[in-house]
Protein backbone atom coordinates (compact mmCIF):
# COMPACT_ATOMS: atom_id res chain seq x y z
CA MET A 1 -71.22 5.33 98.02
CA ASN A 2 -72.29 4.63 101.59
CA VAL A 3 -75.84 5.88 102.12
CA LEU A 4 -77.95 6.41 105.26
CA ILE A 5 -81.76 6.62 105.09
CA LEU A 6 -83.50 8.03 108.18
CA GLY A 7 -86.97 6.71 108.98
CA SER A 8 -88.92 3.49 109.46
CA GLY A 9 -91.98 3.55 107.21
CA GLY A 10 -93.14 2.36 103.81
CA ARG A 11 -91.67 5.49 102.25
CA GLU A 12 -88.22 4.58 103.60
CA HIS A 13 -88.54 0.96 102.43
CA ALA A 14 -89.42 2.20 98.93
CA PHE A 15 -86.35 4.47 98.96
CA ALA A 16 -84.16 1.62 100.24
CA TRP A 17 -85.53 -0.80 97.61
CA LYS A 18 -84.73 1.65 94.81
CA ILE A 19 -81.33 2.83 96.10
CA ALA A 20 -80.25 -0.80 96.64
CA GLN A 21 -80.51 -1.21 92.83
CA SER A 22 -77.98 1.59 92.17
CA LYS A 23 -74.64 0.74 90.59
CA LYS A 24 -73.18 3.57 92.72
CA LEU A 25 -74.14 2.00 96.05
CA GLU A 26 -71.57 0.33 98.29
CA ASN A 27 -73.33 0.09 101.68
CA LEU A 28 -76.87 1.07 102.68
CA TYR A 29 -77.95 1.77 106.26
CA ILE A 30 -81.49 2.53 107.47
CA ALA A 31 -82.14 4.05 110.90
CA PRO A 32 -84.21 2.65 112.46
CA GLY A 33 -85.78 0.83 109.48
CA ASN A 34 -88.22 -2.09 109.60
CA ALA A 35 -88.49 -5.78 108.66
CA GLY A 36 -88.56 -4.90 104.95
CA THR A 37 -85.62 -2.48 104.85
CA ALA A 38 -83.47 -5.20 106.49
CA HIS A 39 -83.50 -6.98 103.10
CA CYS A 40 -82.17 -3.88 101.28
CA GLY A 41 -79.38 -2.88 103.67
CA THR A 42 -78.48 -2.82 107.35
CA ASN A 43 -80.96 -1.55 109.95
CA VAL A 44 -79.47 0.48 112.81
CA ASN A 45 -81.62 0.86 115.90
CA ILE A 46 -81.37 4.61 116.46
CA SER A 47 -84.03 7.30 116.21
CA ALA A 48 -84.01 9.78 113.33
CA MET A 49 -84.55 12.46 116.01
CA ASP A 50 -81.37 11.56 117.91
CA PHE A 51 -79.05 13.85 115.97
CA GLU A 52 -75.96 12.99 118.00
CA ALA A 53 -76.46 9.25 117.45
CA VAL A 54 -76.97 9.95 113.73
CA LYS A 55 -73.71 11.93 113.69
CA ASN A 56 -71.80 9.07 115.33
CA LEU A 57 -73.25 6.58 112.84
CA VAL A 58 -72.32 8.79 109.88
CA TRP A 59 -68.76 9.11 111.20
CA GLU A 60 -68.41 5.40 112.07
CA LYS A 61 -69.75 4.06 108.76
CA GLY A 62 -68.17 6.65 106.45
CA ILE A 63 -71.55 7.81 105.12
CA ASP A 64 -71.41 9.81 101.87
CA LEU A 65 -75.07 10.88 101.65
CA VAL A 66 -78.03 11.09 104.06
CA LEU A 67 -81.64 10.87 102.84
CA VAL A 68 -84.16 12.09 105.42
CA GLY A 69 -87.55 10.38 105.07
CA PRO A 70 -89.92 11.93 107.67
CA GLU A 71 -90.71 15.59 108.33
CA ASP A 72 -89.92 15.81 112.07
CA PRO A 73 -86.10 15.74 111.80
CA LEU A 74 -86.24 18.29 108.96
CA VAL A 75 -88.50 20.72 110.81
CA LYS A 76 -86.29 20.28 113.92
CA GLY A 77 -83.24 21.18 111.81
CA ILE A 78 -81.18 18.05 111.13
CA HIS A 79 -79.80 19.58 107.93
CA ASP A 80 -78.73 22.70 109.86
CA TYR A 81 -77.15 20.43 112.51
CA PHE A 82 -74.97 18.83 109.80
CA LEU A 83 -73.96 22.19 108.33
CA ALA A 84 -72.95 23.52 111.77
CA ASP A 85 -70.68 20.54 112.50
CA GLU A 86 -67.09 20.38 111.24
CA VAL A 87 -67.24 16.60 110.80
CA LEU A 88 -70.60 16.57 108.97
CA ARG A 89 -70.83 19.81 106.98
CA ASP A 90 -69.57 18.38 103.67
CA ILE A 91 -71.91 15.36 103.71
CA PRO A 92 -74.97 16.00 101.52
CA VAL A 93 -78.31 15.84 103.32
CA ILE A 94 -81.33 15.30 101.09
CA GLY A 95 -84.07 17.29 102.76
CA PRO A 96 -84.40 21.03 103.35
CA ARG A 97 -82.89 23.08 106.15
CA ARG A 98 -85.16 24.36 108.91
CA ASP A 99 -86.13 27.49 106.93
CA GLY A 100 -87.29 25.46 103.92
CA ALA A 101 -88.99 22.85 106.12
CA GLN A 102 -91.29 25.64 107.36
CA LEU A 103 -93.30 25.00 104.18
CA GLU A 104 -94.66 22.05 106.16
CA GLY A 105 -93.77 23.06 109.71
CA SER A 106 -95.93 26.21 109.64
CA LYS A 107 -99.24 26.41 107.78
CA ASP A 108 -99.22 30.20 108.26
CA PHE A 109 -95.73 30.48 106.73
CA SER A 110 -96.72 28.37 103.71
CA LYS A 111 -99.92 30.38 103.09
CA GLN A 112 -98.01 33.68 103.30
CA PHE A 113 -95.44 32.23 100.89
CA MET A 114 -98.17 31.19 98.42
CA MET A 115 -99.77 34.62 98.56
CA LYS A 116 -96.44 36.39 98.07
CA TYR A 117 -95.49 34.32 95.02
CA LYS A 118 -99.02 34.14 93.58
CA VAL A 119 -99.39 30.36 93.94
CA PRO A 120 -103.13 29.59 93.66
CA THR A 121 -104.63 28.55 97.00
CA ALA A 122 -107.76 28.98 99.12
CA ARG A 123 -108.61 32.29 100.81
CA TYR A 124 -107.45 32.21 104.43
CA ALA A 125 -106.63 34.09 107.63
CA SER A 126 -104.56 33.15 110.71
CA PHE A 127 -105.57 33.58 114.35
CA ASP A 128 -104.13 33.08 117.83
CA ALA A 129 -105.09 33.96 121.43
CA SER A 130 -104.71 37.67 120.72
CA ASN A 131 -107.45 37.79 118.05
CA LEU A 132 -109.69 34.79 118.71
CA GLN A 133 -112.85 36.94 118.38
CA ASP A 134 -111.72 37.99 114.90
CA GLY A 135 -111.50 34.28 114.07
CA TYR A 136 -115.19 33.85 114.92
CA THR A 137 -116.01 36.83 112.69
CA PHE A 138 -113.93 35.44 109.80
CA LEU A 139 -115.73 32.09 110.03
CA GLU A 140 -119.02 33.94 109.48
CA THR A 141 -117.72 35.26 106.12
CA LEU A 142 -117.23 31.70 104.84
CA LYS A 143 -119.66 29.06 103.59
CA ALA A 144 -119.69 25.57 105.12
CA PRO A 145 -117.73 23.35 105.33
CA PHE A 146 -115.15 25.20 107.45
CA VAL A 147 -111.45 24.22 107.36
CA LEU A 148 -109.33 24.71 110.50
CA LYS A 149 -105.61 23.87 110.42
CA ALA A 150 -103.18 23.85 113.33
CA ASP A 151 -100.20 25.99 112.30
CA GLY A 152 -97.55 23.50 113.48
CA LEU A 153 -96.97 19.77 113.08
CA ALA A 154 -99.69 17.72 114.78
CA ALA A 155 -98.81 14.19 113.62
CA GLY A 156 -101.28 14.43 110.72
CA LYS A 157 -104.23 15.20 113.02
CA GLY A 158 -104.25 18.99 113.01
CA VAL A 159 -106.79 19.59 110.22
CA LEU A 160 -110.53 19.76 110.96
CA ILE A 161 -113.29 20.06 108.34
CA LEU A 162 -116.61 20.99 109.95
CA ASP A 163 -120.10 21.59 108.59
CA ASP A 164 -121.59 23.53 111.49
CA ILE A 165 -120.46 27.10 112.25
CA ASN A 166 -121.03 26.78 116.00
CA GLU A 167 -118.97 23.60 116.09
CA ALA A 168 -116.27 25.38 114.05
CA LYS A 169 -116.16 28.23 116.58
CA ALA A 170 -116.01 25.76 119.48
CA GLU A 171 -113.18 23.83 117.84
CA LEU A 172 -111.28 27.05 117.08
CA LYS A 173 -111.42 27.90 120.79
CA ALA A 174 -110.40 24.33 121.74
CA MET A 175 -107.41 24.50 119.41
CA ILE A 176 -106.16 27.94 120.49
CA SER A 177 -107.26 28.39 124.11
CA ASP A 178 -107.36 24.76 125.27
CA ALA A 179 -104.29 23.57 123.29
CA LYS A 180 -106.21 20.74 121.61
CA PHE A 181 -103.11 19.94 119.53
CA GLY A 182 -100.58 21.28 122.03
CA THR A 183 -98.33 24.12 120.91
CA ALA A 184 -99.06 23.17 117.26
CA SER A 185 -102.47 24.87 117.50
CA ALA A 186 -101.39 28.02 119.37
CA LYS A 187 -101.97 29.59 115.97
CA VAL A 188 -104.72 28.34 113.61
CA VAL A 189 -105.22 28.90 109.89
CA ILE A 190 -108.87 29.11 108.79
CA GLU A 191 -109.40 28.40 105.09
CA GLU A 192 -112.12 28.56 102.51
CA PHE A 193 -113.12 25.01 101.49
CA LEU A 194 -112.06 24.00 97.97
CA HIS A 195 -114.36 21.79 95.89
CA GLY A 196 -112.71 19.38 93.47
CA ILE A 197 -110.63 16.20 93.22
CA GLU A 198 -107.50 15.89 95.33
CA LEU A 199 -104.09 14.71 94.12
CA SER A 200 -100.42 15.12 94.96
CA VAL A 201 -97.52 16.23 92.79
CA PHE A 202 -93.91 15.64 93.82
CA VAL A 203 -90.87 17.73 92.99
CA LEU A 204 -87.17 16.98 93.49
CA THR A 205 -85.07 20.16 93.59
CA ASP A 206 -81.42 21.04 94.21
CA GLY A 207 -82.21 24.68 94.98
CA LYS A 208 -81.54 25.76 91.38
CA SER A 209 -83.34 23.36 89.04
CA TYR A 210 -85.97 20.67 89.59
CA LYS A 211 -87.43 17.42 88.27
CA LEU A 212 -91.18 16.92 88.26
CA LEU A 213 -91.89 13.44 89.64
CA PRO A 214 -95.09 11.47 88.90
CA ALA A 215 -98.40 12.65 90.30
CA ALA A 216 -100.36 10.34 92.63
CA LYS A 217 -103.72 10.11 94.36
CA ASP A 218 -103.97 8.63 97.83
CA TYR A 219 -106.90 7.45 99.95
CA LYS A 220 -107.03 8.89 103.45
CA ARG A 221 -110.17 7.44 105.07
CA ILE A 222 -110.20 4.08 106.82
CA GLY A 223 -113.50 2.95 105.27
CA GLU A 224 -114.48 2.06 101.71
CA GLY A 225 -116.16 4.83 99.78
CA ASP A 226 -113.95 7.32 101.65
CA THR A 227 -115.84 6.94 104.93
CA GLY A 228 -114.76 6.85 108.55
CA LEU A 229 -111.72 8.33 110.27
CA ASN A 230 -108.70 9.84 108.58
CA THR A 231 -105.53 7.73 108.43
CA GLY A 232 -101.97 8.18 107.24
CA GLY A 233 -103.13 6.76 103.89
CA MET A 234 -104.79 3.49 102.83
CA GLY A 235 -103.53 3.24 99.25
CA ALA A 236 -102.41 5.21 96.21
CA VAL A 237 -102.44 5.29 92.41
CA SER A 238 -99.96 6.81 89.93
CA PRO A 239 -100.33 8.33 87.37
CA VAL A 240 -103.64 10.08 88.01
CA PRO A 241 -106.06 9.79 85.06
CA PHE A 242 -107.76 13.17 85.68
CA ALA A 243 -104.35 14.92 85.76
CA ASP A 244 -103.62 14.95 82.03
CA ALA A 245 -100.71 16.67 80.27
CA GLU A 246 -102.65 19.94 80.02
CA PHE A 247 -103.44 19.98 83.75
CA LEU A 248 -99.88 19.05 84.74
CA LYS A 249 -98.58 21.86 82.52
CA LYS A 250 -100.75 24.27 84.55
CA VAL A 251 -99.36 22.75 87.76
CA GLU A 252 -95.80 23.29 86.59
CA GLU A 253 -96.36 26.85 85.38
CA ARG A 254 -98.67 28.10 88.15
CA VAL A 255 -97.39 26.11 91.14
CA VAL A 256 -94.01 24.38 90.75
CA LYS A 257 -92.03 27.15 89.01
CA PRO A 258 -93.32 29.95 91.30
CA THR A 259 -92.60 27.76 94.34
CA VAL A 260 -89.01 26.93 93.38
CA ASP A 261 -88.37 30.51 92.20
CA GLY A 262 -89.91 31.85 95.42
CA LEU A 263 -87.61 29.72 97.57
CA ILE A 264 -84.60 31.05 95.64
CA LYS A 265 -85.82 34.66 96.04
CA GLU A 266 -86.28 34.09 99.78
CA GLY A 267 -82.66 32.93 100.01
CA ILE A 268 -83.78 29.43 101.03
CA ASP A 269 -81.32 26.78 99.80
CA TYR A 270 -83.83 23.97 99.40
CA ARG A 271 -82.37 20.57 98.46
CA GLY A 272 -84.83 17.73 98.60
CA PHE A 273 -88.42 16.81 97.88
CA ILE A 274 -91.44 19.10 97.81
CA PHE A 275 -94.82 17.41 98.16
CA VAL A 276 -97.55 19.61 96.71
CA GLY A 277 -101.05 18.66 97.86
CA LEU A 278 -103.42 19.93 95.16
CA MET A 279 -107.10 20.24 94.40
CA ASN A 280 -108.17 20.00 90.77
CA CYS A 281 -110.99 22.55 90.75
CA GLY A 282 -112.66 22.32 87.34
CA GLY A 283 -109.32 21.86 85.57
CA ASP A 284 -107.38 24.46 87.57
CA PRO A 285 -104.85 23.52 90.29
CA TYR A 286 -105.08 25.01 93.80
CA VAL A 287 -102.56 24.18 96.53
CA ILE A 288 -103.98 22.70 99.73
CA GLU A 289 -100.61 22.25 101.42
CA TYR A 290 -96.89 21.73 101.01
CA ASN A 291 -94.89 18.97 102.69
CA CYS A 292 -91.11 19.08 102.92
CA ARG A 293 -90.71 15.36 102.11
CA MET A 294 -92.29 12.59 100.06
CA GLY A 295 -95.73 11.31 101.03
CA ASP A 296 -96.60 7.88 102.34
CA PRO A 297 -98.12 5.75 100.73
CA GLU A 298 -97.58 7.84 97.56
CA THR A 299 -93.83 7.10 97.60
CA GLU A 300 -94.71 3.43 97.20
CA VAL A 301 -96.22 4.17 93.75
CA VAL A 302 -94.02 7.11 92.69
CA VAL A 303 -90.57 5.59 93.36
CA PRO A 304 -91.32 2.30 91.52
CA ARG A 305 -92.17 4.37 88.42
CA ILE A 306 -88.74 6.10 88.39
CA LYS A 307 -86.56 4.22 85.88
CA SER A 308 -83.50 6.43 86.43
CA ASP A 309 -80.90 5.66 89.11
CA LEU A 310 -82.33 7.39 92.20
CA LEU A 311 -78.98 7.56 93.97
CA GLU A 312 -77.50 9.33 90.96
CA LEU A 313 -80.32 11.89 91.13
CA LEU A 314 -79.84 12.39 94.89
CA GLU A 315 -76.09 12.81 94.47
CA ALA A 316 -76.80 15.48 91.83
CA VAL A 317 -79.12 17.26 94.30
CA GLY A 318 -76.30 17.42 96.85
CA LYS A 319 -73.94 18.89 94.24
CA GLN A 320 -76.63 21.20 92.76
CA GLU A 321 -76.21 19.49 89.38
CA LEU A 322 -79.73 18.06 89.03
CA GLY A 323 -80.24 19.96 85.76
CA LYS A 324 -77.50 17.86 84.12
CA THR A 325 -79.15 14.50 84.89
CA ASN A 326 -81.52 12.41 82.82
CA PHE A 327 -84.87 11.41 84.22
CA GLU A 328 -86.94 8.51 82.90
CA LEU A 329 -90.31 7.17 84.00
CA ASP A 330 -91.98 3.78 83.65
CA PRO A 331 -95.16 4.40 81.60
CA ARG A 332 -97.07 1.68 83.46
CA ILE A 333 -99.60 2.40 86.19
CA ALA A 334 -98.61 1.59 89.78
CA THR A 335 -101.10 1.04 92.58
CA THR A 336 -100.56 0.26 96.25
CA VAL A 337 -102.91 -1.15 98.87
CA MET A 338 -102.07 -0.51 102.54
CA MET A 339 -102.61 -3.38 104.97
CA VAL A 340 -103.31 -2.12 108.50
CA ALA A 341 -103.75 -3.44 112.03
CA GLY A 342 -107.26 -4.23 113.25
CA GLY A 343 -108.65 -1.18 115.05
CA TYR A 344 -106.39 1.32 113.27
CA PRO A 345 -106.47 4.39 113.28
CA GLU A 346 -107.75 4.04 116.84
CA GLU A 347 -106.37 1.50 119.34
CA TYR A 348 -104.68 -1.54 117.86
CA GLU A 349 -102.49 -4.41 118.99
CA LYS A 350 -98.84 -5.02 118.09
CA GLY A 351 -96.71 -8.15 118.06
CA HIS A 352 -98.84 -10.42 115.83
CA GLU A 353 -96.93 -12.71 113.48
CA VAL A 354 -97.23 -12.03 109.74
CA SER A 355 -97.35 -15.05 107.40
CA GLY A 356 -97.70 -15.55 103.66
CA LEU A 357 -95.12 -12.98 102.53
CA ASP A 358 -93.28 -15.77 100.68
CA LYS A 359 -96.43 -16.48 98.63
CA VAL A 360 -96.60 -12.99 97.07
CA GLU A 361 -96.06 -13.03 93.30
CA GLY A 362 -95.97 -10.12 90.86
CA SER A 363 -96.18 -7.40 93.53
CA ILE A 364 -93.68 -5.58 95.76
CA VAL A 365 -94.43 -5.54 99.49
CA PHE A 366 -93.12 -2.37 101.14
CA HIS A 367 -93.03 -2.75 104.91
CA ALA A 368 -94.08 0.08 107.22
CA GLY A 369 -95.06 -0.89 110.78
CA THR A 370 -93.25 -4.23 111.02
CA LYS A 371 -90.24 -5.59 112.88
CA GLN A 372 -88.06 -8.66 112.47
CA GLU A 373 -87.57 -11.04 115.41
CA GLY A 374 -85.38 -13.95 114.39
CA GLU A 375 -87.11 -15.58 111.42
CA LYS A 376 -90.46 -13.99 112.26
CA VAL A 377 -92.00 -10.75 110.96
CA LEU A 378 -94.22 -9.13 113.60
CA THR A 379 -96.73 -6.27 113.42
CA ASN A 380 -95.32 -3.14 115.04
CA GLY A 381 -97.61 -0.26 114.07
CA GLY A 382 -100.93 0.79 112.58
CA ARG A 383 -100.09 0.81 108.88
CA LEU A 384 -98.17 -2.41 108.30
CA MET A 385 -97.42 -3.09 104.62
CA ALA A 386 -98.08 -1.51 101.24
CA VAL A 387 -98.66 -4.02 98.43
CA THR A 388 -97.56 -2.32 95.18
CA SER A 389 -98.21 -3.62 91.67
CA TYR A 390 -97.72 -2.49 88.08
CA GLY A 391 -100.34 -2.77 85.35
CA ASN A 392 -101.39 -1.41 81.97
CA SER A 393 -104.59 -0.21 83.63
CA ILE A 394 -105.59 0.75 87.16
CA GLN A 395 -107.84 -2.29 87.35
CA GLU A 396 -105.06 -4.70 86.31
CA ALA A 397 -102.58 -3.23 88.80
CA VAL A 398 -104.95 -3.00 91.75
CA GLU A 399 -106.31 -6.53 91.24
CA LYS A 400 -102.73 -7.85 91.55
CA SER A 401 -102.35 -5.92 94.81
CA PHE A 402 -105.67 -7.24 96.17
CA SER A 403 -104.80 -10.81 95.15
CA ASN A 404 -101.45 -10.67 96.95
CA ALA A 405 -102.89 -8.88 100.00
CA GLU A 406 -105.17 -11.91 100.42
CA LYS A 407 -102.09 -14.16 100.70
CA ILE A 408 -100.67 -12.16 103.63
CA ASN A 409 -102.11 -13.08 107.02
CA TYR A 410 -102.02 -11.70 110.56
CA THR A 411 -104.55 -11.28 113.37
CA GLY A 412 -106.93 -8.39 112.60
CA ARG A 413 -105.98 -8.05 108.93
CA TYR A 414 -107.70 -5.15 107.16
CA TYR A 415 -107.31 -3.27 103.88
CA ARG A 416 -109.62 -1.24 101.69
CA LYS A 417 -110.94 -3.16 98.70
CA ASP A 418 -111.94 -0.08 96.67
CA ILE A 419 -108.56 1.59 96.00
CA GLY A 420 -108.64 3.10 92.49
CA LYS A 421 -112.34 2.30 91.99
CA ASP A 422 -113.31 5.99 91.85
CA LEU A 423 -110.80 6.55 89.01
CA LEU A 424 -112.26 3.94 86.65
CA GLN A 425 -114.83 6.54 85.48
CA PHE A 426 -111.95 8.31 83.74
CA GLY A 427 -111.50 5.31 81.45
CA ASN A 428 -108.33 3.81 82.84
């Protein structure tokens, strides 16, 4: 099979690394890819948002399957674009159509969906310019902290958690009236704050059946001890020690099954990944959000734990035959540590040379914001590389990642040295 992966991050490198191992693979292309994906297949310098260029590439290279990594092309309807084109319509696209991608593309849609299909989630209400005053009133019915979410995609920045009610009201006005997040915050979802421990569960579905992928916990804040600004993710651990078999059974029965069944009842032909952001509230799962794709850096610990042939699974999704496939997991723990540019998530420099990658032993380095120039690997983003390791305990795995992160050098090197530390209390 000839396969095209769309995207350029650590998630896409993890997919490329795994698919490159498939006995079914003939040629692998990644658009646009990064310095790491270049070692798994052929990078093609086109944007995942340039649908016409993607079409031409698919036609030129005889692509048999397209795996969409990021959310933007899905929410903008790349799957629908394929289905509407005579040349492309029979080529499987792994990733939902525009209607299914609304699970991530609209917070209001996803909350209405959860309520309709009785998926446990926080109490909420949605507001826009027509009922802004009602939004102020609703905030007064809640206890601090107050959660405000832009309805649309805001590049991961559209969620505010505020302790002061006056600040919450001011931010609600800034989001709706002053377009703080552009058109994404023309409508805002206000939620009750959930207390508990956060984790993510991943589902692969063909629109009829599904496979439950490993759970993971990621670390969003830039600083150790979960301090400082939010980022795209500074590390991850899988499996999650506080998500035991009993808890995951609740997740499947209360969240995953109602979600997949709800999509079917809505007439949404959803073929791809569902990321379920959860809060474990005293042993009960509550959904914080859905994403219509895999998470990053969680993919860098989830995909390495899949023992089955991923391309075989994706092919089965395209044919709606996922229920006939076998699915095996590596029982070991996987951890990843994200190396970032100095200054990230605020201003940072690009173009610094990365050295020491050849000294890494016993870990997998998944590239994210890097580019290849001749023999050199250069920094080309905020989150640069995810150093993933296996172990029989979290401590064993994460110490391998830390040890190898120390061997990789570039100007402004930074990574969190406490990934997984909070989970050691659970005895793993």
